[in-house]
Amino acid sequence: MTITMYGITNCDTIKKARVWLESHDVAYRFHDYRVEGLDADRLNGWSRKVGWEILLNKASTTFRELSDKDKLSLDEKKAKALMLANPTMIKRPVLELGDRILVGFKPDVYQQAVGGLK
């Protein structure tokens, strides 16, 4: 199974997740969506699996800097458009494990999900 981690290189949570994967000898590919972009089909797939509310990082600096108008009446369509325009608003990391995804980094969740894949 191919494992792909999505995020941005300079994110502290990404760094922790990468260290965890590497220290557990888990092979993965890193996709920096600031460099490589993110397409609507992938974001839509993630949203179907976990919901846009999980993906949208309202604590991100980018989200907090939005105008009140952009934050009001937030629905799936508007949230996805914002995340595509500003991928730094996506909670990090997003880890694709075949047909499953994990959002965020918690060592115990990673252990359960990928511990036996080595």
PDB file of N, CA and C in Angstrom:
ATOM      1  N   MET A   1       0.840  -1.176   0.000  1.00  0.00           N
ATOM      2  CA  MET A   1       0.000   0.000   0.000  1.00  0.00           C
ATOM      3  C   MET A   1       0.886   1.240   0.000  1.00  0.00           C
ATOM      4  N   THR A   2       0.515   2.195  -0.819  1.00  0.00           N
ATOM      5  CA  THR A   2       1.230   3.457  -0.860  1.00  0.00           C
ATOM      6  C   THR A   2       0.633   4.395   0.177  1.00  0.00           C
ATOM      7  N   ILE A   3       1.489   4.996   0.969  1.00  0.00           N
ATOM      8  CA  ILE A   3       1.063   5.972   1.962  1.00  0.00           C
ATOM      9  C   ILE A   3       1.559   7.328   1.495  1.00  0.00           C
ATOM     10  N   THR A   4       0.649   8.302   1.489  1.00  0.00           N
ATOM     11  CA  THR A   4       1.016   9.653   1.110  1.00  0.00           C
ATOM     12  C   THR A   4       0.611  10.604   2.222  1.00  0.00           C
ATOM     13  N   MET A   5       1.539  11.457   2.603  1.00  0.00           N
ATOM     14  CA  MET A   5       1.261  12.491   3.586  1.00  0.00           C
ATOM     15  C   MET A   5       1.141  13.819   2.849  1.00  0.00           C
ATOM     16  N   TYR A   6       0.058  14.545   3.136  1.00  0.00           N
ATOM     17  CA  TYR A   6      -0.189  15.849   2.543  1.00  0.00           C
ATOM     18  C   TYR A   6      -0.035  16.920   3.611  1.00  0.00           C
ATOM     19  N   GLY A   7       0.606  18.018   3.230  1.00  0.00           N
ATOM     20  CA  GLY A   7       0.772  19.120   4.158  1.00  0.00           C
ATOM     21  C   GLY A   7       1.739  20.129   3.600  1.00  0.00           C
ATOM     22  N   ILE A   8       2.374  20.879   4.500  1.00  0.00           N
ATOM     23  CA  ILE A   8       3.387  21.851   4.105  1.00  0.00           C
ATOM     24  C   ILE A   8       4.655  21.571   4.917  1.00  0.00           C
ATOM     25  N   THR A   9       5.770  21.736   4.274  1.00  0.00           N
ATOM     26  CA  THR A   9       7.053  21.326   4.832  1.00  0.00           C
ATOM     27  C   THR A   9       7.369  21.963   6.176  1.00  0.00           C
ATOM     28  N   ASN A  10       7.079  23.238   6.344  1.00  0.00           N
ATOM     29  CA  ASN A  10       7.522  23.928   7.556  1.00  0.00           C
ATOM     30  C   ASN A  10       6.554  23.824   8.732  1.00  0.00           C
ATOM     31  N   CYS A  11       5.531  23.015   8.635  1.00  0.00           N
ATOM     32  CA  CYS A  11       4.561  22.838   9.718  1.00  0.00           C
ATOM     33  C   CYS A  11       5.145  21.939  10.812  1.00  0.00           C
ATOM     34  N   ASP A  12       5.060  22.383  12.060  1.00  0.00           N
ATOM     35  CA  ASP A  12       5.602  21.602  13.176  1.00  0.00           C
ATOM     36  C   ASP A  12       4.920  20.248  13.325  1.00  0.00           C
ATOM     37  N   THR A  13       3.618  20.194  13.111  1.00  0.00           N
ATOM     38  CA  THR A  13       2.904  18.919  13.226  1.00  0.00           C
ATOM     39  C   THR A  13       3.332  17.958  12.128  1.00  0.00           C
ATOM     40  N   ILE A  14       3.539  18.482  10.936  1.00  0.00           N
ATOM     41  CA  ILE A  14       4.050  17.661   9.829  1.00  0.00           C
ATOM     42  C   ILE A  14       5.417  17.092  10.211  1.00  0.00           C
ATOM     43  N   LYS A  15       6.272  17.930  10.752  1.00  0.00           N
ATOM     44  CA  LYS A  15       7.606  17.473  11.147  1.00  0.00           C
ATOM     45  C   LYS A  15       7.518  16.335  12.161  1.00  0.00           C
ATOM     46  N   LYS A  16       6.639  16.457  13.149  1.00  0.00           N
ATOM     47  CA  LYS A  16       6.471  15.407  14.162  1.00  0.00           C
ATOM     48  C   LYS A  16       5.962  14.116  13.525  1.00  0.00           C
ATOM     49  N   ALA A  17       4.985  14.243  12.630  1.00  0.00           N
ATOM     50  CA  ALA A  17       4.424  13.057  11.974  1.00  0.00           C
ATOM     51  C   ALA A  17       5.463  12.376  11.091  1.00  0.00           C
ATOM     52  N   ARG A  18       6.259  13.159  10.390  1.00  0.00           N
ATOM     53  CA  ARG A  18       7.307  12.585   9.538  1.00  0.00           C
ATOM     54  C   ARG A  18       8.352  11.861  10.373  1.00  0.00           C
ATOM     55  N   VAL A  19       8.752  12.464  11.479  1.00  0.00           N
ATOM     56  CA  VAL A  19       9.714  11.811  12.375  1.00  0.00           C
ATOM     57  C   VAL A  19       9.137  10.502  12.891  1.00  0.00           C
ATOM     58  N   TRP A  20       7.861  10.509  13.252  1.00  0.00           N
ATOM     59  CA  TRP A  20       7.223   9.288  13.757  1.00  0.00           C
ATOM     60  C   TRP A  20       7.248   8.197  12.690  1.00  0.00           C
ATOM     61  N   LEU A  21       6.821   8.528  11.475  1.00  0.00           N
ATOM     62  CA  LEU A  21       6.799   7.536  10.392  1.00  0.00           C
ATOM     63  C   LEU A  21       8.199   6.998  10.123  1.00  0.00           C
ATOM     64  N   GLU A  22       9.161   7.882  10.041  1.00  0.00           N
ATOM     65  CA  GLU A  22      10.528   7.461   9.737  1.00  0.00           C
ATOM     66  C   GLU A  22      11.127   6.623  10.872  1.00  0.00           C
ATOM     67  N   SER A  23      10.838   6.984  12.107  1.00  0.00           N
ATOM     68  CA  SER A  23      11.379   6.215  13.232  1.00  0.00           C
ATOM     69  C   SER A  23      10.720   4.847  13.367  1.00  0.00           C
ATOM     70  N   HIS A  24       9.559   4.683  12.730  1.00  0.00           N
ATOM     71  CA  HIS A  24       8.868   3.388  12.724  1.00  0.00           C
ATOM     72  C   HIS A  24       9.028   2.659  11.383  1.00  0.00           C
ATOM     73  N   ASP A  25       9.994   3.130  10.576  1.00  0.00           N
ATOM     74  CA  ASP A  25      10.313   2.512   9.283  1.00  0.00           C
ATOM     75  C   ASP A  25       9.094   2.358   8.375  1.00  0.00           C
ATOM     76  N   VAL A  26       8.240   3.376   8.362  1.00  0.00           N
ATOM     77  CA  VAL A  26       7.066   3.364   7.497  1.00  0.00           C
ATOM     78  C   VAL A  26       7.390   4.205   6.260  1.00  0.00           C
ATOM     79  N   ALA A  27       7.362   3.565   5.106  1.00  0.00           N
ATOM     80  CA  ALA A  27       7.634   4.268   3.853  1.00  0.00           C
ATOM     81  C   ALA A  27       6.417   5.110   3.468  1.00  0.00           C
ATOM     82  N   TYR A  28       6.682   6.323   3.015  1.00  0.00           N
ATOM     83  CA  TYR A  28       5.598   7.215   2.606  1.00  0.00           C
ATOM     84  C   TYR A  28       6.135   8.213   1.593  1.00  0.00           C
ATOM     85  N   ARG A  29       5.216   8.834   0.908  1.00  0.00           N
ATOM     86  CA  ARG A  29       5.547   9.921  -0.012  1.00  0.00           C
ATOM     87  C   ARG A  29       4.982  11.196   0.587  1.00  0.00           C
ATOM     88  N   PHE A  30       5.736  12.288   0.521  1.00  0.00           N
ATOM     89  CA  PHE A  30       5.265  13.565   1.042  1.00  0.00           C
ATOM     90  C   PHE A  30       4.828  14.464  -0.106  1.00  0.00           C
ATOM     91  N   HIS A  31       3.628  15.016   0.014  1.00  0.00           N
ATOM     92  CA  HIS A  31       3.076  15.919  -0.988  1.00  0.00           C
ATOM     93  C   HIS A  31       2.890  17.285  -0.324  1.00  0.00           C
ATOM     94  N   ASP A  32       3.728  18.233  -0.703  1.00  0.00           N
ATOM     95  CA  ASP A  32       3.618  19.591  -0.180  1.00  0.00           C
ATOM     96  C   ASP A  32       2.639  20.343  -1.074  1.00  0.00           C
ATOM     97  N   TYR A  33       1.430  20.583  -0.557  1.00  0.00           N
ATOM     98  CA  TYR A  33       0.451  21.213  -1.432  1.00  0.00           C
ATOM     99  C   TYR A  33       0.680  22.702  -1.616  1.00  0.00           C
ATOM    100  N   ARG A  34       1.628  23.245  -0.926  1.00  0.00           N
ATOM    101  CA  ARG A  34       2.020  24.615  -1.222  1.00  0.00           C
ATOM    102  C   ARG A  34       2.860  24.625  -2.511  1.00  0.00           C
ATOM    103  N   VAL A  35       3.600  23.560  -2.747  1.00  0.00           N
ATOM    104  CA  VAL A  35       4.457  23.443  -3.934  1.00  0.00           C
ATOM    105  C   VAL A  35       3.727  22.711  -5.063  1.00  0.00           C
ATOM    106  N   GLU A  36       3.105  21.561  -4.728  1.00  0.00           N
ATOM    107  CA  GLU A  36       2.494  20.699  -5.742  1.00  0.00           C
ATOM    108  C   GLU A  36       1.015  20.975  -5.970  1.00  0.00           C
ATOM    109  N   GLY A  37       0.410  21.791  -5.129  1.00  0.00           N
ATOM    110  CA  GLY A  37      -1.002  22.101  -5.274  1.00  0.00           C
ATOM    111  C   GLY A  37      -1.895  20.999  -4.732  1.00  0.00           C
ATOM    112  N   LEU A  38      -3.188  21.231  -4.821  1.00  0.00           N
ATOM    113  CA  LEU A  38      -4.190  20.277  -4.371  1.00  0.00           C
ATOM    114  C   LEU A  38      -5.390  20.417  -5.282  1.00  0.00           C
ATOM    115  N   ASP A  39      -5.850  19.300  -5.834  1.00  0.00           N
ATOM    116  CA  ASP A  39      -6.972  19.393  -6.761  1.00  0.00           C
ATOM    117  C   ASP A  39      -8.310  19.167  -6.057  1.00  0.00           C
ATOM    118  N   ALA A  40      -9.352  19.685  -6.672  1.00  0.00           N
ATOM    119  CA  ALA A  40     -10.699  19.629  -6.094  1.00  0.00           C
ATOM    120  C   ALA A  40     -11.177  18.191  -5.903  1.00  0.00           C
ATOM    121  N   ASP A  41     -10.832  17.292  -6.815  1.00  0.00           N
ATOM    122  CA  ASP A  41     -11.279  15.899  -6.695  1.00  0.00           C
ATOM    123  C   ASP A  41     -10.729  15.250  -5.430  1.00  0.00           C
ATOM    124  N   ARG A  42      -9.481  15.495  -5.125  1.00  0.00           N
ATOM    125  CA  ARG A  42      -8.874  14.918  -3.916  1.00  0.00           C
ATOM    126  C   ARG A  42      -9.542  15.494  -2.670  1.00  0.00           C
ATOM    127  N   LEU A  43      -9.707  16.821  -2.635  1.00  0.00           N
ATOM    128  CA  LEU A  43     -10.355  17.460  -1.488  1.00  0.00           C
ATOM    129  C   LEU A  43     -11.789  16.949  -1.325  1.00  0.00           C
ATOM    130  N   ASN A  44     -12.497  16.788  -2.420  1.00  0.00           N
ATOM    131  CA  ASN A  44     -13.867  16.257  -2.356  1.00  0.00           C
ATOM    132  C   ASN A  44     -13.878  14.831  -1.804  1.00  0.00           C
ATOM    133  N   GLY A  45     -12.906  14.026  -2.210  1.00  0.00           N
ATOM    134  CA  GLY A  45     -12.802  12.660  -1.696  1.00  0.00           C
ATOM    135  C   GLY A  45     -12.549  12.644  -0.203  1.00  0.00           C
ATOM    136  N   TRP A  46     -11.641  13.492   0.246  1.00  0.00           N
ATOM    137  CA  TRP A  46     -11.376  13.585   1.683  1.00  0.00           C
ATOM    138  C   TRP A  46     -12.630  14.016   2.429  1.00  0.00           C
ATOM    139  N   SER A  47     -13.308  14.995   1.869  1.00  0.00           N
ATOM    140  CA  SER A  47     -14.508  15.528   2.513  1.00  0.00           C
ATOM    141  C   SER A  47     -15.591  14.460   2.639  1.00  0.00           C
ATOM    142  N   ARG A  48     -15.726  13.626   1.615  1.00  0.00           N
ATOM    143  CA  ARG A  48     -16.707  12.528   1.685  1.00  0.00           C
ATOM    144  C   ARG A  48     -16.355  11.542   2.798  1.00  0.00           C
ATOM    145  N   LYS A  49     -15.060  11.340   3.020  1.00  0.00           N
ATOM    146  CA  LYS A  49     -14.625  10.351   4.011  1.00  0.00           C
ATOM    147  C   LYS A  49     -14.686  10.862   5.442  1.00  0.00           C
ATOM    148  N   VAL A  50     -14.294  12.121   5.673  1.00  0.00           N
ATOM    149  CA  VAL A  50     -14.223  12.609   7.056  1.00  0.00           C
ATOM    150  C   VAL A  50     -15.065  13.857   7.322  1.00  0.00           C
ATOM    151  N   GLY A  51     -15.553  14.487   6.273  1.00  0.00           N
ATOM    152  CA  GLY A  51     -16.339  15.705   6.438  1.00  0.00           C
ATOM    153  C   GLY A  51     -15.474  16.956   6.353  1.00  0.00           C
ATOM    154  N   TRP A  52     -16.010  17.990   5.744  1.00  0.00           N
ATOM    155  CA  TRP A  52     -15.258  19.232   5.557  1.00  0.00           C
ATOM    156  C   TRP A  52     -14.943  19.900   6.887  1.00  0.00           C
ATOM    157  N   GLU A  53     -15.806  19.679   7.890  1.00  0.00           N
ATOM    158  CA  GLU A  53     -15.600  20.304   9.198  1.00  0.00           C
ATOM    159  C   GLU A  53     -14.312  19.810   9.860  1.00  0.00           C
ATOM    160  N   ILE A  54     -13.972  18.532   9.633  1.00  0.00           N
ATOM    161  CA  ILE A  54     -12.737  17.963  10.172  1.00  0.00           C
ATOM    162  C   ILE A  54     -11.531  18.523   9.424  1.00  0.00           C
ATOM    163  N   LEU A  55     -11.671  18.699   8.126  1.00  0.00           N
ATOM    164  CA  LEU A  55     -10.553  19.162   7.294  1.00  0.00           C
ATOM    165  C   LEU A  55     -10.214  20.635   7.495  1.00  0.00           C
ATOM    166  N   LEU A  56     -11.217  21.451   7.748  1.00  0.00           N
ATOM    167  CA  LEU A  56     -10.996  22.893   7.864  1.00  0.00           C
ATOM    168  C   LEU A  56     -10.394  23.231   9.221  1.00  0.00           C
ATOM    169  N   ASN A  57      -9.221  23.809   9.197  1.00  0.00           N
ATOM    170  CA  ASN A  57      -8.518  24.180  10.428  1.00  0.00           C
ATOM    171  C   ASN A  57      -8.848  25.634  10.773  1.00  0.00           C
ATOM    172  N   LYS A  58      -9.873  25.810  11.606  1.00  0.00           N
ATOM    173  CA  LYS A  58     -10.300  27.155  11.979  1.00  0.00           C
ATOM    174  C   LYS A  58      -9.296  27.848  12.893  1.00  0.00           C
ATOM    175  N   ALA A  59      -8.347  27.102  13.433  1.00  0.00           N
ATOM    176  CA  ALA A  59      -7.309  27.693  14.284  1.00  0.00           C
ATOM    177  C   ALA A  59      -6.120  28.194  13.474  1.00  0.00           C
ATOM    178  N   SER A  60      -6.122  27.911  12.179  1.00  0.00           N
ATOM    179  CA  SER A  60      -4.979  28.325  11.356  1.00  0.00           C
ATOM    180  C   SER A  60      -4.929  29.848  11.235  1.00  0.00           C
ATOM    181  N   THR A  61      -3.722  30.350  11.097  1.00  0.00           N
ATOM    182  CA  THR A  61      -3.533  31.786  10.914  1.00  0.00           C
ATOM    183  C   THR A  61      -4.276  32.261   9.683  1.00  0.00           C
ATOM    184  N   THR A  62      -4.228  31.481   8.620  1.00  0.00           N
ATOM    185  CA  THR A  62      -4.884  31.864   7.367  1.00  0.00           C
ATOM    186  C   THR A  62      -6.384  32.015   7.574  1.00  0.00           C
ATOM    187  N   PHE A  63      -7.000  31.069   8.288  1.00  0.00           N
ATOM    188  CA  PHE A  63      -8.442  31.161   8.527  1.00  0.00           C
ATOM    189  C   PHE A  63      -8.761  32.366   9.414  1.00  0.00           C
ATOM    190  N   ARG A  64      -7.988  32.548  10.461  1.00  0.00           N
ATOM    191  CA  ARG A  64      -8.269  33.650  11.394  1.00  0.00           C
ATOM    192  C   ARG A  64      -8.117  35.007  10.721  1.00  0.00           C
ATOM    193  N   GLU A  65      -7.285  35.088   9.684  1.00  0.00           N
ATOM    194  CA  GLU A  65      -7.079  36.352   8.976  1.00  0.00           C
ATOM    195  C   GLU A  65      -8.153  36.641   7.927  1.00  0.00           C
ATOM    196  N   LEU A  66      -9.052  35.682   7.704  1.00  0.00           N
ATOM    197  CA  LEU A  66     -10.139  35.923   6.755  1.00  0.00           C
ATOM    198  C   LEU A  66     -11.050  37.033   7.268  1.00  0.00           C
ATOM    199  N   SER A  67     -11.723  37.680   6.339  1.00  0.00           N
ATOM    200  CA  SER A  67     -12.700  38.684   6.744  1.00  0.00           C
ATOM    201  C   SER A  67     -13.888  37.991   7.418  1.00  0.00           C
ATOM    202  N   ASP A  68     -14.590  38.729   8.243  1.00  0.00           N
ATOM    203  CA  ASP A  68     -15.774  38.174   8.897  1.00  0.00           C
ATOM    204  C   ASP A  68     -16.780  37.685   7.861  1.00  0.00           C
ATOM    205  N   LYS A  69     -16.850  38.377   6.742  1.00  0.00           N
ATOM    206  CA  LYS A  69     -17.770  37.986   5.665  1.00  0.00           C
ATOM    207  C   LYS A  69     -17.459  36.568   5.178  1.00  0.00           C
ATOM    208  N   ASP A  70     -16.175  36.266   5.034  1.00  0.00           N
ATOM    209  CA  ASP A  70     -15.776  34.941   4.556  1.00  0.00           C
ATOM    210  C   ASP A  70     -16.018  33.860   5.607  1.00  0.00           C
ATOM    211  N   LYS A  71     -15.988  34.231   6.877  1.00  0.00           N
ATOM    212  CA  LYS A  71     -16.189  33.256   7.951  1.00  0.00           C
ATOM    213  C   LYS A  71     -17.665  32.982   8.235  1.00  0.00           C
ATOM    214  N   LEU A  72     -18.524  33.951   7.909  1.00  0.00           N
ATOM    215  CA  LEU A  72     -19.950  33.802   8.189  1.00  0.00           C
ATOM    216  C   LEU A  72     -20.620  32.846   7.211  1.00  0.00           C
ATOM    217  N   SER A  73     -21.645  32.211   7.691  1.00  0.00           N
ATOM    218  CA  SER A  73     -22.444  31.300   6.860  1.00  0.00           C
ATOM    219  C   SER A  73     -21.572  30.278   6.131  1.00  0.00           C
ATOM    220  N   LEU A  74     -20.612  29.741   6.837  1.00  0.00           N
ATOM    221  CA  LEU A  74     -19.701  28.773   6.241  1.00  0.00           C
ATOM    222  C   LEU A  74     -20.434  27.463   6.002  1.00  0.00           C
ATOM    223  N   ASP A  75     -20.417  27.014   4.766  1.00  0.00           N
ATOM    224  CA  ASP A  75     -20.997  25.719   4.425  1.00  0.00           C
ATOM    225  C   ASP A  75     -19.948  24.928   3.660  1.00  0.00           C
ATOM    226  N   GLU A  76     -20.309  23.719   3.254  1.00  0.00           N
ATOM    227  CA  GLU A  76     -19.338  22.841   2.592  1.00  0.00           C
ATOM    228  C   GLU A  76     -18.755  23.468   1.335  1.00  0.00           C
ATOM    229  N   LYS A  77     -19.594  24.029   0.495  1.00  0.00           N
ATOM    230  CA  LYS A  77     -19.130  24.599  -0.766  1.00  0.00           C
ATOM    231  C   LYS A  77     -18.136  25.747  -0.518  1.00  0.00           C
ATOM    232  N   LYS A  78     -18.503  26.635   0.397  1.00  0.00           N
ATOM    233  CA  LYS A  78     -17.651  27.776   0.698  1.00  0.00           C
ATOM    234  C   LYS A  78     -16.341  27.321   1.358  1.00  0.00           C
ATOM    235  N   ALA A  79     -16.435  26.373   2.274  1.00  0.00           N
ATOM    236  CA  ALA A  79     -15.242  25.872   2.967  1.00  0.00           C
ATOM    237  C   ALA A  79     -14.277  25.209   1.987  1.00  0.00           C
ATOM    238  N   LYS A  80     -14.811  24.401   1.074  1.00  0.00           N
ATOM    239  CA  LYS A  80     -13.939  23.745   0.091  1.00  0.00           C
ATOM    240  C   LYS A  80     -13.259  24.769  -0.810  1.00  0.00           C
ATOM    241  N   ALA A  81     -14.001  25.789  -1.230  1.00  0.00           N
ATOM    242  CA  ALA A  81     -13.413  26.831  -2.080  1.00  0.00           C
ATOM    243  C   ALA A  81     -12.286  27.541  -1.332  1.00  0.00           C
ATOM    244  N   LEU A  82     -12.505  27.822  -0.048  1.00  0.00           N
ATOM    245  CA  LEU A  82     -11.470  28.469   0.762  1.00  0.00           C
ATOM    246  C   LEU A  82     -10.239  27.571   0.904  1.00  0.00           C
ATOM    247  N   MET A  83     -10.462  26.268   1.158  1.00  0.00           N
ATOM    248  CA  MET A  83      -9.335  25.348   1.321  1.00  0.00           C
ATOM    249  C   MET A  83      -8.552  25.168   0.026  1.00  0.00           C
ATOM    250  N   LEU A  84      -9.248  25.157  -1.113  1.00  0.00           N
ATOM    251  CA  LEU A  84      -8.546  25.039  -2.393  1.00  0.00           C
ATOM    252  C   LEU A  84      -7.735  26.300  -2.688  1.00  0.00           C
ATOM    253  N   ALA A  85      -8.297  27.451  -2.351  1.00  0.00           N
ATOM    254  CA  ALA A  85      -7.595  28.709  -2.590  1.00  0.00           C
ATOM    255  C   ALA A  85      -6.444  28.907  -1.602  1.00  0.00           C
ATOM    256  N   ASN A  86      -6.604  28.346  -0.396  1.00  0.00           N
ATOM    257  CA  ASN A  86      -5.615  28.507   0.679  1.00  0.00           C
ATOM    258  C   ASN A  86      -5.402  27.162   1.366  1.00  0.00           C
ATOM    259  N   PRO A  87      -4.627  26.254   0.776  1.00  0.00           N
ATOM    260  CA  PRO A  87      -4.471  24.918   1.362  1.00  0.00           C
ATOM    261  C   PRO A  87      -3.918  24.918   2.783  1.00  0.00           C
ATOM    262  N   THR A  88      -3.317  26.028   3.217  1.00  0.00           N
ATOM    263  CA  THR A  88      -2.826  26.078   4.595  1.00  0.00           C
ATOM    264  C   THR A  88      -3.980  26.052   5.598  1.00  0.00           C
ATOM    265  N   MET A  89      -5.205  26.192   5.124  1.00  0.00           N
ATOM    266  CA  MET A  89      -6.380  26.095   6.000  1.00  0.00           C
ATOM    267  C   MET A  89      -6.788  24.650   6.258  1.00  0.00           C
ATOM    268  N   ILE A  90      -6.138  23.712   5.593  1.00  0.00           N
ATOM    269  CA  ILE A  90      -6.463  22.301   5.795  1.00  0.00           C
ATOM    270  C   ILE A  90      -5.685  21.792   7.000  1.00  0.00           C
ATOM    271  N   LYS A  91      -6.393  21.136   7.895  1.00  0.00           N
ATOM    272  CA  LYS A  91      -5.745  20.567   9.078  1.00  0.00           C
ATOM    273  C   LYS A  91      -4.657  19.605   8.620  1.00  0.00           C
ATOM    274  N   ARG A  92      -3.533  19.626   9.319  1.00  0.00           N
ATOM    275  CA  ARG A  92      -2.383  18.837   8.897  1.00  0.00           C
ATOM    276  C   ARG A  92      -1.938  17.870   9.984  1.00  0.00           C
ATOM    277  N   PRO A  93      -1.311  16.802   9.488  1.00  0.00           N
ATOM    278  CA  PRO A  93      -1.246  16.316   8.112  1.00  0.00           C
ATOM    279  C   PRO A  93      -2.512  15.564   7.727  1.00  0.00           C
ATOM    280  N   VAL A  94      -2.664  15.362   6.427  1.00  0.00           N
ATOM    281  CA  VAL A  94      -3.653  14.411   5.916  1.00  0.00           C
ATOM    282  C   VAL A  94      -2.827  13.236   5.412  1.00  0.00           C
ATOM    283  N   LEU A  95      -3.096  12.065   5.961  1.00  0.00           N
ATOM    284  CA  LEU A  95      -2.347  10.861   5.604  1.00  0.00           C
ATOM    285  C   LEU A  95      -3.280   9.919   4.864  1.00  0.00           C
ATOM    286  N   GLU A  96      -2.964   9.648   3.608  1.00  0.00           N
ATOM    287  CA  GLU A  96      -3.747   8.693   2.811  1.00  0.00           C
ATOM    288  C   GLU A  96      -3.138   7.311   2.974  1.00  0.00           C
ATOM    289  N   LEU A  97      -3.986   6.373   3.367  1.00  0.00           N
ATOM    290  CA  LEU A  97      -3.584   4.976   3.542  1.00  0.00           C
ATOM    291  C   LEU A  97      -4.527   4.143   2.678  1.00  0.00           C
ATOM    292  N   GLY A  98      -4.205   4.021   1.409  1.00  0.00           N
ATOM    293  CA  GLY A  98      -5.113   3.324   0.517  1.00  0.00           C
ATOM    294  C   GLY A  98      -6.415   4.097   0.418  1.00  0.00           C
ATOM    295  N   ASP A  99      -7.525   3.463   0.834  1.00  0.00           N
ATOM    296  CA  ASP A  99      -8.822   4.133   0.748  1.00  0.00           C
ATOM    297  C   ASP A  99      -9.216   4.839   2.049  1.00  0.00           C
ATOM    298  N   ARG A 100      -8.317   4.850   3.029  1.00  0.00           N
ATOM    299  CA  ARG A 100      -8.569   5.538   4.302  1.00  0.00           C
ATOM    300  C   ARG A 100      -7.731   6.792   4.397  1.00  0.00           C
ATOM    301  N   ILE A 101      -8.180   7.738   5.234  1.00  0.00           N
ATOM    302  CA  ILE A 101      -7.351   8.893   5.526  1.00  0.00           C
ATOM    303  C   ILE A 101      -7.376   9.179   7.024  1.00  0.00           C
ATOM    304  N   LEU A 102      -6.272   9.733   7.486  1.00  0.00           N
ATOM    305  CA  LEU A 102      -6.170  10.234   8.853  1.00  0.00           C
ATOM    306  C   LEU A 102      -5.909  11.727   8.755  1.00  0.00           C
ATOM    307  N   VAL A 103      -6.556  12.492   9.623  1.00  0.00           N
ATOM    308  CA  VAL A 103      -6.365  13.943   9.629  1.00  0.00           C
ATOM    309  C   VAL A 103      -5.804  14.335  10.988  1.00  0.00           C
ATOM    310  N   GLY A 104      -4.691  15.050  10.970  1.00  0.00           N
ATOM    311  CA  GLY A 104      -4.015  15.419  12.204  1.00  0.00           C
ATOM    312  C   GLY A 104      -3.016  14.342  12.580  1.00  0.00           C
ATOM    313  N   PHE A 105      -2.282  14.579  13.650  1.00  0.00           N
ATOM    314  CA  PHE A 105      -1.285  13.615  14.081  1.00  0.00           C
ATOM    315  C   PHE A 105      -1.438  13.290  15.556  1.00  0.00           C
ATOM    316  N   LYS A 106      -1.671  12.018  15.818  1.00  0.00           N
ATOM    317  CA  LYS A 106      -1.669  11.476  17.174  1.00  0.00           C
ATOM    318  C   LYS A 106      -0.921  10.153  17.090  1.00  0.00           C
ATOM    319  N   PRO A 107       0.194  10.036  17.818  1.00  0.00           N
ATOM    320  CA  PRO A 107       1.018   8.828  17.716  1.00  0.00           C
ATOM    321  C   PRO A 107       0.241   7.530  17.910  1.00  0.00           C
ATOM    322  N   ASP A 108      -0.689   7.483  18.854  1.00  0.00           N
ATOM    323  CA  ASP A 108      -1.430   6.244  19.089  1.00  0.00           C
ATOM    324  C   ASP A 108      -2.324   5.887  17.907  1.00  0.00           C
ATOM    325  N   VAL A 109      -2.893   6.883  17.246  1.00  0.00           N
ATOM    326  CA  VAL A 109      -3.726   6.633  16.064  1.00  0.00           C
ATOM    327  C   VAL A 109      -2.852   6.153  14.909  1.00  0.00           C
ATOM    328  N   TYR A 110      -1.689   6.768  14.739  1.00  0.00           N
ATOM    329  CA  TYR A 110      -0.761   6.330  13.705  1.00  0.00           C
ATOM    330  C   TYR A 110      -0.325   4.892  13.970  1.00  0.00           C
ATOM    331  N   GLN A 111      -0.035   4.577  15.225  1.00  0.00           N
ATOM    332  CA  GLN A 111       0.400   3.223  15.570  1.00  0.00           C
ATOM    333  C   GLN A 111      -0.661   2.212  15.182  1.00  0.00           C
ATOM    334  N   GLN A 112      -1.915   2.489  15.513  1.00  0.00           N
ATOM    335  CA  GLN A 112      -3.002   1.580  15.151  1.00  0.00           C
ATOM    336  C   GLN A 112      -3.148   1.441  13.640  1.00  0.00           C
ATOM    337  N   ALA A 113      -3.032   2.566  12.931  1.00  0.00           N
ATOM    338  CA  ALA A 113      -3.294   2.568  11.493  1.00  0.00           C
ATOM    339  C   ALA A 113      -2.155   2.022  10.661  1.00  0.00           C
ATOM    340  N   VAL A 114      -0.906   2.339  11.020  1.00  0.00           N
ATOM    341  CA  VAL A 114       0.215   1.965  10.167  1.00  0.00           C
ATOM    342  C   VAL A 114       1.225   1.060  10.847  1.00  0.00           C
ATOM    343  N   GLY A 115       1.067   0.807  12.112  1.00  0.00           N
ATOM    344  CA  GLY A 115       2.039   0.005  12.850  1.00  0.00           C
ATOM    345  C   GLY A 115       2.275  -1.358  12.240  1.00  0.00           C
ATOM    346  N   GLY A 116       1.233  -1.985  11.720  1.00  0.00           N
ATOM    347  CA  GLY A 116       1.370  -3.313  11.152  1.00  0.00           C
ATOM    348  C   GLY A 116       1.651  -3.350   9.665  1.00  0.00           C
ATOM    349  N   LEU A 117       1.845  -2.194   9.050  1.00  0.00           N
ATOM    350  CA  LEU A 117       2.036  -2.134   7.602  1.00  0.00           C
ATOM    351  C   LEU A 117       3.489  -2.287   7.161  1.00  0.00           C
ATOM    352  N   LYS A 118       4.407  -2.192   8.078  1.00  0.00           N
ATOM    353  CA  LYS A 118       5.836  -2.186   7.712  1.00  0.00           C
ATOM    354  C   LYS A 118       6.221  -3.452   6.986  1.00  0.00           C
TER     355      LYS A 118
END
